[in-house]
């Protein structure tokens, strides 16, 4: 038998040995695991966090006239602590009056200028009309004098009499024209006085409005309730040092704590498990022992990027209690 045949037989034998050990099973090493099936409720839970908030609240706003005076970024100078229980008319906070004080100073300077201009116009009008009235009186005397001369000239030459007649007619015409001019100048003086008087009244009104606005920079509560801070567009709370603008005038809120809801965000992986009308359990970090029932009343149709998170989620709105109304003030 050739060497090549020995090699072939050896390879076949080796493969047979490997196949035997690979496919062979040891009955002693077999382990069977069994358990008894029990019937029960399968829970698929999604745990998400949110913030309890009122779905009905009253706003405490800055004065409405901020836009009228072009006051945009007014700082909050003082604000009582969040969670303070207040009554209607109680002090809430104060806005920085710096910008209003600057406008008040300018308005006072403008008022002094307008008053001076009004007084000057009044004196000029008085003097001008007085001169016009004196001119009318002089023409009246001149006309009377010419009339007397004309009456006494019956024995004078016709040329002299004619000359006196001409002077008399001229004096009558001058007097008539002087009276007409006086009426025109009087109307002009009235119009100027009305103009400067309107400017003066406008500045007085503006100064009064600024003074009233300054008073309204001290903010008082519009109702009874518990103070909660308003939020900026980025979700941060307004506090001392925050800016108030005519487009976002709310400083604080007075929520109705008998009607609460929670707006939460869920991961898109979990949102498939969440549907409207599903029951929920609501707990509180500050009160771990408290747990109340709730129901999902709304699920957003479109996901949104939550600020400060890499998770793309959908907003679950209005998760509110159905079996219990609660009041955090009690």
Foldseek 3Di string as FASTA:
>chain_A
DDPVVVVVVVVVVVVVVVVCVVPDDDPVPDDDDDDDDDDDDDDDDDDFDWDKDFPDWDFFFADLCCVVVVNFWWFFAFADDFFDWDFFFAFGGFIDCVVLVVVLVVLVVLLVVLVVVLVVLVVVLVVVLVVLVVVLVVLVVVLVVLVVVLVVCPVPDPVVNVVSVVSNVVSVVVNVVSVVVSVVSNVVSVVVSVVSVVSNVVSVVVSVVSVVSNVSSGTGDRGTAGKDFDADPLGHGRGGGGTAGSVRGTGIMGHDQQGMFTKTWDFPVCVVVDDFFDKDWDADPVDRVDIAIWTQHDWDPDWDDRPPDPGTTTMRTGGTGDPDGDGPVD
